[in-house]
PDB file of N, CA and C in Angstrom:
ATOM      1  N   MET A   1     117.084  70.937  99.560  1.00  0.00           N
ATOM      2  CA  MET A   1     116.632  72.287  99.238  1.00  0.00           C
ATOM      3  C   MET A   1     115.915  72.283  97.889  1.00  0.00           C
ATOM      4  N   VAL A   2     114.862  73.029  97.795  1.00  0.00           N
ATOM      5  CA  VAL A   2     114.068  73.137  96.571  1.00  0.00           C
ATOM      6  C   VAL A   2     114.838  73.968  95.547  1.00  0.00           C
ATOM      7  N   SER A   3     114.793  73.555  94.282  1.00  0.00           N
ATOM      8  CA  SER A   3     115.491  74.282  93.223  1.00  0.00           C
ATOM      9  C   SER A   3     114.503  75.086  92.376  1.00  0.00           C
ATOM     10  N   LEU A   4     115.040  76.049  91.634  1.00  0.00           N
ATOM     11  CA  LEU A   4     114.208  76.822  90.708  1.00  0.00           C
ATOM     12  C   LEU A   4     113.622  75.916  89.627  1.00  0.00           C
ATOM     13  N   GLU A   5     114.376  74.888  89.237  1.00  0.00           N
ATOM     14  CA  GLU A   5     113.874  73.943  88.236  1.00  0.00           C
ATOM     15  C   GLU A   5     112.626  73.218  88.749  1.00  0.00           C
ATOM     16  N   GLU A   6     112.624  72.851  90.024  1.00  0.00           N
ATOM     17  CA  GLU A   6     111.450  72.195  90.610  1.00  0.00           C
ATOM     18  C   GLU A   6     110.252  73.142  90.634  1.00  0.00           C
ATOM     19  N   VAL A   7     110.495  74.393  90.963  1.00  0.00           N
ATOM     20  CA  VAL A   7     109.420  75.387  90.977  1.00  0.00           C
ATOM     21  C   VAL A   7     108.880  75.585  89.556  1.00  0.00           C
ATOM     22  N   ALA A   8     109.775  75.604  88.563  1.00  0.00           N
ATOM     23  CA  ALA A   8     109.348  75.746  87.166  1.00  0.00           C
ATOM     24  C   ALA A   8     108.437  74.589  86.769  1.00  0.00           C
ATOM     25  N   ARG A   9     108.789  73.367  87.178  1.00  0.00           N
ATOM     26  CA  ARG A   9     107.955  72.208  86.868  1.00  0.00           C
ATOM     27  C   ARG A   9     106.562  72.332  87.485  1.00  0.00           C
ATOM     28  N   ILE A  10     106.508  72.789  88.727  1.00  0.00           N
ATOM     29  CA  ILE A  10     105.206  72.996  89.378  1.00  0.00           C
ATOM     30  C   ILE A  10     104.380  73.999  88.574  1.00  0.00           C
ATOM     31  N   ALA A  11     105.010  75.104  88.173  1.00  0.00           N
ATOM     32  CA  ALA A  11     104.302  76.141  87.405  1.00  0.00           C
ATOM     33  C   ALA A  11     103.769  75.584  86.088  1.00  0.00           C
ATOM     34  N   GLU A  12     104.618  74.857  85.366  1.00  0.00           N
ATOM     35  CA  GLU A  12     104.243  74.360  84.040  1.00  0.00           C
ATOM     36  C   GLU A  12     103.159  73.287  84.099  1.00  0.00           C
ATOM     37  N   ILE A  13     103.204  72.442  85.116  1.00  0.00           N
ATOM     38  CA  ILE A  13     102.258  71.320  85.195  1.00  0.00           C
ATOM     39  C   ILE A  13     100.971  71.702  85.924  1.00  0.00           C
ATOM     40  N   GLU A  14     101.101  72.284  87.105  1.00  0.00           N
ATOM     41  CA  GLU A  14      99.922  72.548  87.927  1.00  0.00           C
ATOM     42  C   GLU A  14      99.192  73.839  87.558  1.00  0.00           C
ATOM     43  N   PHE A  15      99.882  74.742  86.877  1.00  0.00           N
ATOM     44  CA  PHE A  15      99.280  76.041  86.555  1.00  0.00           C
ATOM     45  C   PHE A  15      99.341  76.324  85.052  1.00  0.00           C
ATOM     46  N   PHE A  16      99.246  75.248  84.261  1.00  0.00           N
ATOM     47  CA  PHE A  16      99.324  75.358  82.805  1.00  0.00           C
ATOM     48  C   PHE A  16      98.265  76.295  82.232  1.00  0.00           C
ATOM     49  N   ASP A  17      97.159  76.463  82.942  1.00  0.00           N
ATOM     50  CA  ASP A  17      96.072  77.302  82.443  1.00  0.00           C
ATOM     51  C   ASP A  17      96.384  78.794  82.515  1.00  0.00           C
ATOM     52  N   ILE A  18      97.369  79.189  83.325  1.00  0.00           N
ATOM     53  CA  ILE A  18      97.727  80.614  83.411  1.00  0.00           C
ATOM     54  C   ILE A  18      99.187  80.871  83.036  1.00  0.00           C
ATOM     55  N   VAL A  19      99.980  79.807  82.824  1.00  0.00           N
ATOM     56  CA  VAL A  19     101.411  79.947  82.530  1.00  0.00           C
ATOM     57  C   VAL A  19     101.665  79.667  81.055  1.00  0.00           C
ATOM     58  N   ASP A  20     102.356  80.605  80.391  1.00  0.00           N
ATOM     59  CA  ASP A  20     102.769  80.402  79.002  1.00  0.00           C
ATOM     60  C   ASP A  20     104.121  79.716  78.913  1.00  0.00           C
ATOM     61  N   SER A  21     105.081  80.188  79.732  1.00  0.00           N
ATOM     62  CA  SER A  21     106.433  79.637  79.661  1.00  0.00           C
ATOM     63  C   SER A  21     107.199  79.966  80.935  1.00  0.00           C
ATOM     64  N   THR A  22     108.319  79.265  81.115  1.00  0.00           N
ATOM     65  CA  THR A  22     109.218  79.543  82.236  1.00  0.00           C
ATOM     66  C   THR A  22     110.634  79.668  81.689  1.00  0.00           C
ATOM     67  N   GLU A  23     111.440  80.496  82.352  1.00  0.00           N
ATOM     68  CA  GLU A  23     112.828  80.685  81.920  1.00  0.00           C
ATOM     69  C   GLU A  23     113.712  80.954  83.133  1.00  0.00           C
ATOM     70  N   LEU A  24     114.789  80.175  83.244  1.00  0.00           N
ATOM     71  CA  LEU A  24     115.777  80.437  84.286  1.00  0.00           C
ATOM     72  C   LEU A  24     116.626  81.618  83.839  1.00  0.00           C
ATOM     73  N   MET A  25     116.752  82.614  84.710  1.00  0.00           N
ATOM     74  CA  MET A  25     117.502  83.831  84.390  1.00  0.00           C
ATOM     75  C   MET A  25     118.510  84.077  85.511  1.00  0.00           C
ATOM     76  N   GLY A  26     119.584  83.303  85.505  1.00  0.00           N
ATOM     77  CA  GLY A  26     120.582  83.443  86.560  1.00  0.00           C
ATOM     78  C   GLY A  26     120.035  82.965  87.885  1.00  0.00           C
ATOM     79  N   SER A  27     119.902  83.888  88.828  1.00  0.00           N
ATOM     80  CA  SER A  27     119.470  83.518  90.181  1.00  0.00           C
ATOM     81  C   SER A  27     117.958  83.596  90.375  1.00  0.00           C
ATOM     82  N   LYS A  28     117.208  83.762  89.293  1.00  0.00           N
ATOM     83  CA  LYS A  28     115.747  83.801  89.427  1.00  0.00           C
ATOM     84  C   LYS A  28     115.092  83.009  88.309  1.00  0.00           C
ATOM     85  N   LEU A  29     113.833  82.710  88.527  1.00  0.00           N
ATOM     86  CA  LEU A  29     112.995  82.059  87.537  1.00  0.00           C
ATOM     87  C   LEU A  29     111.954  83.069  87.086  1.00  0.00           C
ATOM     88  N   ARG A  30     111.802  83.237  85.782  1.00  0.00           N
ATOM     89  CA  ARG A  30     110.740  84.099  85.254  1.00  0.00           C
ATOM     90  C   ARG A  30     109.647  83.212  84.668  1.00  0.00           C
ATOM     91  N   ILE A  31     108.430  83.482  85.080  1.00  0.00           N
ATOM     92  CA  ILE A  31     107.255  82.760  84.594  1.00  0.00           C
ATOM     93  C   ILE A  31     106.402  83.749  83.810  1.00  0.00           C
ATOM     94  N   MET A  32     106.280  83.510  82.514  1.00  0.00           N
ATOM     95  CA  MET A  32     105.437  84.365  81.681  1.00  0.00           C
ATOM     96  C   MET A  32     104.001  83.853  81.762  1.00  0.00           C
ATOM     97  N   LEU A  33     103.088  84.773  82.018  1.00  0.00           N
ATOM     98  CA  LEU A  33     101.685  84.414  82.183  1.00  0.00           C
ATOM     99  C   LEU A  33     100.915  84.551  80.878  1.00  0.00           C
ATOM    100  N   SER A  34      99.804  83.852  80.787  1.00  0.00           N
ATOM    101  CA  SER A  34      98.942  83.924  79.603  1.00  0.00           C
ATOM    102  C   SER A  34      98.414  85.337  79.403  1.00  0.00           C
ATOM    103  N   ARG A  35      98.073  85.992  80.521  1.00  0.00           N
ATOM    104  CA  ARG A  35      97.674  87.398  80.474  1.00  0.00           C
ATOM    105  C   ARG A  35      98.941  88.235  80.457  1.00  0.00           C
ATOM    106  N   GLU A  36      98.799  89.516  80.264  1.00  0.00           N
ATOM    107  CA  GLU A  36      99.952  90.407  80.310  1.00  0.00           C
ATOM    108  C   GLU A  36     100.561  90.369  81.701  1.00  0.00           C
ATOM    109  N   GLY A  37     101.808  89.991  81.777  1.00  0.00           N
ATOM    110  CA  GLY A  37     102.485  89.997  83.063  1.00  0.00           C
ATOM    111  C   GLY A  37     103.385  88.795  83.254  1.00  0.00           C
ATOM    112  N   PHE A  38     104.098  88.815  84.362  1.00  0.00           N
ATOM    113  CA  PHE A  38     105.029  87.736  84.664  1.00  0.00           C
ATOM    114  C   PHE A  38     105.186  87.609  86.172  1.00  0.00           C
ATOM    115  N   ILE A  39     105.731  86.477  86.572  1.00  0.00           N
ATOM    116  CA  ILE A  39     106.067  86.214  87.969  1.00  0.00           C
ATOM    117  C   ILE A  39     107.551  85.904  88.025  1.00  0.00           C
ATOM    118  N   ASP A  40     108.258  86.547  88.945  1.00  0.00           N
ATOM    119  CA  ASP A  40     109.654  86.222  89.212  1.00  0.00           C
ATOM    120  C   ASP A  40     109.732  85.477  90.532  1.00  0.00           C
ATOM    121  N   VAL A  41     110.563  84.446  90.565  1.00  0.00           N
ATOM    122  CA  VAL A  41     110.765  83.630  91.760  1.00  0.00           C
ATOM    123  C   VAL A  41     112.231  83.704  92.148  1.00  0.00           C
ATOM    124  N   TRP A  42     112.478  84.031  93.409  1.00  0.00           N
ATOM    125  CA  TRP A  42     113.832  84.026  93.967  1.00  0.00           C
ATOM    126  C   TRP A  42     113.875  83.032  95.114  1.00  0.00           C
ATOM    127  N   LEU A  43     114.924  82.224  95.148  1.00  0.00           N
ATOM    128  CA  LEU A  43     115.195  81.339  96.273  1.00  0.00           C
ATOM    129  C   LEU A  43     116.594  81.675  96.760  1.00  0.00           C
ATOM    130  N   SER A  44     116.730  82.006  98.020  1.00  0.00           N
ATOM    131  CA  SER A  44     118.032  82.395  98.558  1.00  0.00           C
ATOM    132  C   SER A  44     119.008  81.229  98.500  1.00  0.00           C
ATOM    133  N   ARG A  45     120.212  81.508  98.067  1.00  0.00           N
ATOM    134  CA  ARG A  45     121.265  80.491  98.038  1.00  0.00           C
ATOM    135  C   ARG A  45     121.995  80.419  99.370  1.00  0.00           C
ATOM    136  N   LYS A  46     121.950  81.505 100.134  1.00  0.00           N
ATOM    137  CA  LYS A  46     122.679  81.568 101.402  1.00  0.00           C
ATOM    138  C   LYS A  46     121.794  81.262 102.600  1.00  0.00           C
ATOM    139  N   LEU A  47     120.579  81.755 102.583  1.00  0.00           N
ATOM    140  CA  LEU A  47     119.657  81.567 103.707  1.00  0.00           C
ATOM    141  C   LEU A  47     118.605  80.533 103.312  1.00  0.00           C
ATOM    142  N   THR A  48     118.714  79.343 103.871  1.00  0.00           N
ATOM    143  CA  THR A  48     117.768  78.298 103.487  1.00  0.00           C
ATOM    144  C   THR A  48     116.345  78.708 103.860  1.00  0.00           C
ATOM    145  N   HIS A  49     115.433  78.304 103.030  1.00  0.00           N
ATOM    146  CA  HIS A  49     113.998  78.541 103.225  1.00  0.00           C
ATOM    147  C   HIS A  49     113.582  80.003 103.026  1.00  0.00           C
ATOM    148  N   ARG A  50     114.440  80.847 102.461  1.00  0.00           N
ATOM    149  CA  ARG A  50     114.065  82.234 102.147  1.00  0.00           C
ATOM    150  C   ARG A  50     113.661  82.298 100.680  1.00  0.00           C
ATOM    151  N   PHE A  51     112.552  82.970 100.420  1.00  0.00           N
ATOM    152  CA  PHE A  51     112.023  83.020  99.062  1.00  0.00           C
ATOM    153  C   PHE A  51     111.302  84.331  98.806  1.00  0.00           C
ATOM    154  N   GLY A  52     111.058  84.602  97.531  1.00  0.00           N
ATOM    155  CA  GLY A  52     110.243  85.727  97.109  1.00  0.00           C
ATOM    156  C   GLY A  52     109.525  85.367  95.822  1.00  0.00           C
ATOM    157  N   TYR A  53     108.223  85.645  95.763  1.00  0.00           N
ATOM    158  CA  TYR A  53     107.398  85.422  94.576  1.00  0.00           C
ATOM    159  C   TYR A  53     106.766  86.764  94.217  1.00  0.00           C
ATOM    160  N   HIS A  54     107.082  87.273  93.039  1.00  0.00           N
ATOM    161  CA  HIS A  54     106.702  88.632  92.652  1.00  0.00           C
ATOM    162  C   HIS A  54     105.909  88.592  91.353  1.00  0.00           C
ATOM    163  N   TRP A  55     104.697  89.147  91.363  1.00  0.00           N
ATOM    164  CA  TRP A  55     103.849  89.214  90.169  1.00  0.00           C
ATOM    165  C   TRP A  55     103.751  90.650  89.703  1.00  0.00           C
ATOM    166  N   GLU A  56     104.160  90.887  88.462  1.00  0.00           N
ATOM    167  CA  GLU A  56     103.962  92.174  87.781  1.00  0.00           C
ATOM    168  C   GLU A  56     102.752  92.010  86.877  1.00  0.00           C
ATOM    169  N   ASP A  57     101.663  92.674  87.214  1.00  0.00           N
ATOM    170  CA  ASP A  57     100.453  92.620  86.403  1.00  0.00           C
ATOM    171  C   ASP A  57     100.478  93.810  85.446  1.00  0.00           C
ATOM    172  N   LYS A  58     100.866  93.555  84.212  1.00  0.00           N
ATOM    173  CA  LYS A  58     101.017  94.633  83.229  1.00  0.00           C
ATOM    174  C   LYS A  58      99.678  95.261  82.844  1.00  0.00           C
ATOM    175  N   SER A  59      98.584  94.535  82.995  1.00  0.00           N
ATOM    176  CA  SER A  59      97.284  95.096  82.606  1.00  0.00           C
ATOM    177  C   SER A  59      96.800  96.156  83.594  1.00  0.00           C
ATOM    178  N   THR A  60      97.237  96.065  84.855  1.00  0.00           N
ATOM    179  CA  THR A  60      96.806  97.040  85.863  1.00  0.00           C
ATOM    180  C   THR A  60      97.936  97.952  86.329  1.00  0.00           C
ATOM    181  N   GLY A  61      99.182  97.554  86.038  1.00  0.00           N
ATOM    182  CA  GLY A  61     100.327  98.324  86.519  1.00  0.00           C
ATOM    183  C   GLY A  61     100.660  98.059  87.981  1.00  0.00           C
ATOM    184  N   LEU A  62      99.983  97.091  88.591  1.00  0.00           N
ATOM    185  CA  LEU A  62     100.216  96.779  90.003  1.00  0.00           C
ATOM    186  C   LEU A  62     101.190  95.616  90.142  1.00  0.00           C
ATOM    187  N   SER A  63     101.843  95.556  91.288  1.00  0.00           N
ATOM    188  CA  SER A  63     102.735  94.430  91.569  1.00  0.00           C
ATOM    189  C   SER A  63     102.410  93.867  92.945  1.00  0.00           C
ATOM    190  N   TYR A  64     102.614  92.573  93.060  1.00  0.00           N
ATOM    191  CA  TYR A  64     102.306  91.849  94.293  1.00  0.00           C
ATOM    192  C   TYR A  64     103.486  90.936  94.607  1.00  0.00           C
ATOM    193  N   ARG A  65     103.832  90.830  95.876  1.00  0.00           N
ATOM    194  CA  ARG A  65     104.947  89.952  96.237  1.00  0.00           C
ATOM    195  C   ARG A  65     104.696  89.312  97.594  1.00  0.00           C
ATOM    196  N   TYR A  66     104.948  88.025  97.637  1.00  0.00           N
ATOM    197  CA  TYR A  66     104.944  87.278  98.896  1.00  0.00           C
ATOM    198  C   TYR A  66     106.377  86.847  99.141  1.00  0.00           C
ATOM    199  N   ASP A  67     106.934  87.256 100.275  1.00  0.00           N
ATOM    200  CA  ASP A  67     108.300  86.838 100.578  1.00  0.00           C
ATOM    201  C   ASP A  67     108.512  86.729 102.078  1.00  0.00           C
ATOM    202  N   ASN A  68     109.652  86.169 102.423  1.00  0.00           N
ATOM    203  CA  ASN A  68     109.995  86.028 103.838  1.00  0.00           C
ATOM    204  C   ASN A  68     111.411  86.514 104.123  1.00  0.00           C
ATOM    205  N   PHE A  69     111.886  87.436 103.300  1.00  0.00           N
ATOM    206  CA  PHE A  69     113.168  88.066 103.591  1.00  0.00           C
ATOM    207  C   PHE A  69     112.937  89.013 104.769  1.00  0.00           C
ATOM    208  N   PRO A  70     113.764  88.935 105.797  1.00  0.00           N
ATOM    209  CA  PRO A  70     113.491  89.655 107.054  1.00  0.00           C
ATOM    210  C   PRO A  70     113.790  91.149 106.984  1.00  0.00           C
ATOM    211  N   ASP A  71     112.991  91.873 106.231  1.00  0.00           N
ATOM    212  CA  ASP A  71     113.118  93.326 106.129  1.00  0.00           C
ATOM    213  C   ASP A  71     112.512  93.942 107.387  1.00  0.00           C
ATOM    214  N   THR A  72     113.329  94.626 108.168  1.00  0.00           N
ATOM    215  CA  THR A  72     112.862  95.167 109.454  1.00  0.00           C
ATOM    216  C   THR A  72     111.798  96.251 109.298  1.00  0.00           C
ATOM    217  N   ASN A  73     111.637  96.804 108.097  1.00  0.00           N
ATOM    218  CA  ASN A  73     110.551  97.768 107.862  1.00  0.00           C
ATOM    219  C   ASN A  73     109.184  97.140 108.106  1.00  0.00           C
ATOM    220  N   TRP A  74     109.100  95.817 108.000  1.00  0.00           N
ATOM    221  CA  TRP A  74     107.809  95.137 108.093  1.00  0.00           C
ATOM    222  C   TRP A  74     107.671  94.344 109.392  1.00  0.00           C
ATOM    223  N   LYS A  75     108.437  94.700 110.415  1.00  0.00           N
ATOM    224  CA  LYS A  75     108.368  93.983 111.701  1.00  0.00           C
ATOM    225  C   LYS A  75     106.994  94.061 112.357  1.00  0.00           C
ATOM    226  N   TYR A  76     106.232  95.090 112.034  1.00  0.00           N
ATOM    227  CA  TYR A  76     104.903  95.255 112.629  1.00  0.00           C
ATOM    228  C   TYR A  76     103.887  94.249 112.087  1.00  0.00           C
ATOM    229  N   VAL A  77     104.191  93.598 110.984  1.00  0.00           N
ATOM    230  CA  VAL A  77     103.261  92.653 110.364  1.00  0.00           C
ATOM    231  C   VAL A  77     103.190  91.392 111.227  1.00  0.00           C
ATOM    232  N   SER A  78     101.996  90.933 111.521  1.00  0.00           N
ATOM    233  CA  SER A  78     101.813  89.811 112.460  1.00  0.00           C
ATOM    234  C   SER A  78     102.477  88.517 112.004  1.00  0.00           C
ATOM    235  N   THR A  79     102.697  88.352 110.705  1.00  0.00           N
ATOM    236  CA  THR A  79     103.302  87.120 110.197  1.00  0.00           C
ATOM    237  C   THR A  79     104.793  87.276 109.882  1.00  0.00           C
ATOM    238  N   TYR A  80     105.398  88.387 110.322  1.00  0.00           N
ATOM    239  CA  TYR A  80     106.812  88.672 110.061  1.00  0.00           C
ATOM    240  C   TYR A  80     107.679  87.471 110.433  1.00  0.00           C
ATOM    241  N   PRO A  81     108.667  87.106 109.606  1.00  0.00           N
ATOM    242  CA  PRO A  81     109.169  87.803 108.425  1.00  0.00           C
ATOM    243  C   PRO A  81     108.356  87.555 107.155  1.00  0.00           C
ATOM    244  N   TYR A  82     107.370  86.671 107.222  1.00  0.00           N
ATOM    245  CA  TYR A  82     106.498  86.439 106.075  1.00  0.00           C
ATOM    246  C   TYR A  82     105.577  87.646 105.916  1.00  0.00           C
ATOM    247  N   HIS A  83     105.502  88.173 104.688  1.00  0.00           N
ATOM    248  CA  HIS A  83     104.654  89.339 104.447  1.00  0.00           C
ATOM    249  C   HIS A  83     104.268  89.410 102.975  1.00  0.00           C
ATOM    250  N   PHE A  84     103.255  90.222 102.689  1.00  0.00           N
ATOM    251  CA  PHE A  84     102.698  90.324 101.353  1.00  0.00           C
ATOM    252  C   PHE A  84     102.629  91.786 100.941  1.00  0.00           C
ATOM    253  N   HIS A  85     103.234  92.098  99.791  1.00  0.00           N
ATOM    254  CA  HIS A  85     103.168  93.440  99.206  1.00  0.00           C
ATOM    255  C   HIS A  85     101.919  93.448  98.320  1.00  0.00           C
ATOM    256  N   ASP A  86     100.923  94.201  98.719  1.00  0.00           N
ATOM    257  CA  ASP A  86      99.598  94.155  98.112  1.00  0.00           C
ATOM    258  C   ASP A  86      99.375  95.297  97.127  1.00  0.00           C
ATOM    259  N   GLY A  87      99.895  95.141  95.927  1.00  0.00           N
ATOM    260  CA  GLY A  87      99.692  96.136  94.878  1.00  0.00           C
ATOM    261  C   GLY A  87     100.833  97.113  94.711  1.00  0.00           C
ATOM    262  N   SER A  88     101.692  97.245  95.737  1.00  0.00           N
ATOM    263  CA  SER A  88     102.857  98.133  95.645  1.00  0.00           C
ATOM    264  C   SER A  88     103.899  97.714  96.674  1.00  0.00           C
ATOM    265  N   GLN A  89     105.088  98.251  96.518  1.00  0.00           N
ATOM    266  CA  GLN A  89     106.190  97.959  97.438  1.00  0.00           C
ATOM    267  C   GLN A  89     105.873  98.399  98.863  1.00  0.00           C
ATOM    268  N   ASP A  90     105.155  99.502  99.007  1.00  0.00           N
ATOM    269  CA  ASP A  90     104.940 100.094 100.328  1.00  0.00           C
ATOM    270  C   ASP A  90     103.673  99.639 101.048  1.00  0.00           C
ATOM    271  N   LYS A  91     102.769  98.978 100.354  1.00  0.00           N
ATOM    272  CA  LYS A  91     101.545  98.490 101.010  1.00  0.00           C
ATOM    273  C   LYS A  91     101.773  97.031 101.416  1.00  0.00           C
ATOM    274  N   VAL A  92     102.127  96.835 102.683  1.00  0.00           N
ATOM    275  CA  VAL A  92     102.489  95.503 103.175  1.00  0.00           C
ATOM    276  C   VAL A  92     101.480  95.044 104.218  1.00  0.00           C
ATOM    277  N   VAL A  93     101.033  93.802 104.059  1.00  0.00           N
ATOM    278  CA  VAL A  93     100.053  93.214 104.975  1.00  0.00           C
ATOM    279  C   VAL A  93     100.530  91.832 105.406  1.00  0.00           C
ATOM    280  N   ASP A  94      99.812  91.229 106.364  1.00  0.00           N
ATOM    281  CA  ASP A  94     100.214  89.887 106.787  1.00  0.00           C
ATOM    282  C   ASP A  94      99.951  88.895 105.657  1.00  0.00           C
ATOM    283  N   SER A  95     100.579  87.761 105.765  1.00  0.00           N
ATOM    284  CA  SER A  95     100.521  86.777 104.684  1.00  0.00           C
ATOM    285  C   SER A  95      99.881  85.478 105.140  1.00  0.00           C
ATOM    286  N   SER A  96      98.925  85.565 106.043  1.00  0.00           N
ATOM    287  CA  SER A  96      98.353  84.361 106.643  1.00  0.00           C
ATOM    288  C   SER A  96      97.637  83.452 105.646  1.00  0.00           C
ATOM    289  N   GLU A  97      97.247  83.977 104.479  1.00  0.00           N
ATOM    290  CA  GLU A  97      96.555  83.111 103.520  1.00  0.00           C
ATOM    291  C   GLU A  97      97.513  82.229 102.721  1.00  0.00           C
ATOM    292  N   PHE A  98      98.819  82.470 102.840  1.00  0.00           N
ATOM    293  CA  PHE A  98      99.810  81.700 102.093  1.00  0.00           C
ATOM    294  C   PHE A  98     100.555  80.730 103.010  1.00  0.00           C
ATOM    295  N   GLU A  99     100.880  79.561 102.475  1.00  0.00           N
ATOM    296  CA  GLU A  99     101.673  78.602 103.240  1.00  0.00           C
ATOM    297  C   GLU A  99     103.091  79.131 103.415  1.00  0.00           C
ATOM    298  N   LYS A 100     103.801  78.599 104.407  1.00  0.00           N
ATOM    299  CA  LYS A 100     105.110  79.145 104.760  1.00  0.00           C
ATOM    300  C   LYS A 100     106.303  78.392 104.159  1.00  0.00           C
ATOM    301  N   ASP A 101     106.113  77.176 103.677  1.00  0.00           N
ATOM    302  CA  ASP A 101     107.238  76.461 103.061  1.00  0.00           C
ATOM    303  C   ASP A 101     107.358  76.871 101.591  1.00  0.00           C
ATOM    304  N   ILE A 102     108.501  76.606 100.984  1.00  0.00           N
ATOM    305  CA  ILE A 102     108.773  77.100  99.628  1.00  0.00           C
ATOM    306  C   ILE A 102     107.747  76.594  98.620  1.00  0.00           C
ATOM    307  N   GLN A 103     107.555  75.292  98.541  1.00  0.00           N
ATOM    308  CA  GLN A 103     106.630  74.755  97.544  1.00  0.00           C
ATOM    309  C   GLN A 103     105.176  75.092  97.868  1.00  0.00           C
ATOM    310  N   GLY A 104     104.786  74.927  99.118  1.00  0.00           N
ATOM    311  CA  GLY A 104     103.414  75.258  99.511  1.00  0.00           C
ATOM    312  C   GLY A 104     103.121  76.736  99.336  1.00  0.00           C
ATOM    313  N   GLY A 105     104.086  77.580  99.689  1.00  0.00           N
ATOM    314  CA  GLY A 105     103.928  79.020  99.520  1.00  0.00           C
ATOM    315  C   GLY A 105     103.800  79.406  98.062  1.00  0.00           C
ATOM    316  N   PHE A 106     104.595  78.742  97.210  1.00  0.00           N
ATOM    317  CA  PHE A 106     104.514  79.013  95.774  1.00  0.00           C
ATOM    318  C   PHE A 106     103.141  78.609  95.239  1.00  0.00           C
ATOM    319  N   ARG A 107     102.683  77.427  95.624  1.00  0.00           N
ATOM    320  CA  ARG A 107     101.363  76.982  95.168  1.00  0.00           C
ATOM    321  C   ARG A 107     100.262  77.925  95.662  1.00  0.00           C
ATOM    322  N   SER A 108     100.345  78.346  96.910  1.00  0.00           N
ATOM    323  CA  SER A 108      99.351  79.287  97.453  1.00  0.00           C
ATOM    324  C   SER A 108      99.355  80.588  96.666  1.00  0.00           C
ATOM    325  N   PHE A 109     100.560  81.108  96.388  1.00  0.00           N
ATOM    326  CA  PHE A 109     100.695  82.361  95.643  1.00  0.00           C
ATOM    327  C   PHE A 109     100.128  82.198  94.234  1.00  0.00           C
ATOM    328  N   MET A 110     100.480  81.097  93.566  1.00  0.00           N
ATOM    329  CA  MET A 110      99.998  80.874  92.203  1.00  0.00           C
ATOM    330  C   MET A 110      98.477  80.697  92.175  1.00  0.00           C
ATOM    331  N   ASN A 111      97.916  80.035  93.157  1.00  0.00           N
ATOM    332  CA  ASN A 111      96.451  79.920  93.227  1.00  0.00           C
ATOM    333  C   ASN A 111      95.810  81.285  93.425  1.00  0.00           C
ATOM    334  N   TRP A 112      96.461  82.146  94.210  1.00  0.00           N
ATOM    335  CA  TRP A 112      95.966  83.508  94.415  1.00  0.00           C
ATOM    336  C   TRP A 112      96.020  84.283  93.092  1.00  0.00           C
ATOM    337  N   VAL A 113      97.149  84.159  92.366  1.00  0.00           N
ATOM    338  CA  VAL A 113      97.277  84.821  91.058  1.00  0.00           C
ATOM    339  C   VAL A 113      96.200  84.298  90.113  1.00  0.00           C
ATOM    340  N   ARG A 114      96.008  82.991  90.092  1.00  0.00           N
ATOM    341  CA  ARG A 114      94.984  82.386  89.230  1.00  0.00           C
ATOM    342  C   ARG A 114      93.610  82.996  89.529  1.00  0.00           C
ATOM    343  N   SER A 115      93.269  83.125  90.797  1.00  0.00           N
ATOM    344  CA  SER A 115      91.958  83.683  91.154  1.00  0.00           C
ATOM    345  C   SER A 115      91.844  85.143  90.724  1.00  0.00           C
ATOM    346  N   LYS A 116      92.928  85.897  90.850  1.00  0.00           N
ATOM    347  CA  LYS A 116      92.901  87.310  90.449  1.00  0.00           C
ATOM    348  C   LYS A 116      92.796  87.447  88.935  1.00  0.00           C
ATOM    349  N   THR A 117      93.495  86.603  88.181  1.00  0.00           N
ATOM    350  CA  THR A 117      93.431  86.706  86.722  1.00  0.00           C
ATOM    351  C   THR A 117      92.059  86.288  86.215  1.00  0.00           C
ATOM    352  N   LYS A 118      91.419  85.353  86.890  1.00  0.00           N
ATOM    353  CA  LYS A 118      90.049  84.963  86.513  1.00  0.00           C
ATOM    354  C   LYS A 118      89.083  86.111  86.788  1.00  0.00           C
ATOM    355  N   ASP A 119      89.303  86.827  87.909  1.00  0.00           N
ATOM    356  CA  ASP A 119      88.458  87.982  88.248  1.00  0.00           C
ATOM    357  C   ASP A 119      88.558  89.078  87.194  1.00  0.00           C
ATOM    358  N   LEU A 120      89.743  89.217  86.581  1.00  0.00           N
ATOM    359  CA  LEU A 120      89.976  90.294  85.618  1.00  0.00           C
ATOM    360  C   LEU A 120      89.553  89.919  84.205  1.00  0.00           C
ATOM    361  N   SER A 121      89.228  88.649  83.987  1.00  0.00           N
ATOM    362  CA  SER A 121      88.856  88.195  82.634  1.00  0.00           C
ATOM    363  C   SER A 121      87.486  88.686  82.243  1.00  0.00           C
TER     364      SER A 121
END
């Protein structure tokens, strides 16, 4: 099983251009970004392969999350249980642009964040 420490290493090494620091905070990893904002990472301890990656963009006030927790509110999404919160908790779309495994999904999400932060620069 992938650990939060492994995810932190990926963030620090592969995304050094957008990551300032990482900090383990109990059951989650907080990644502070170079721009205003942070990413929280959750990996389920009980349900293997369940994850959530959440970006709070402080410059826009928007939040984005890619996760695969089986929330039945999002059963209509074609990639369920994988889904993407696009700017708010209630705007949910399919997540076909992101990989489905923990590490690949994290890298896909971070590359998406990188592209968005470059767009806002």
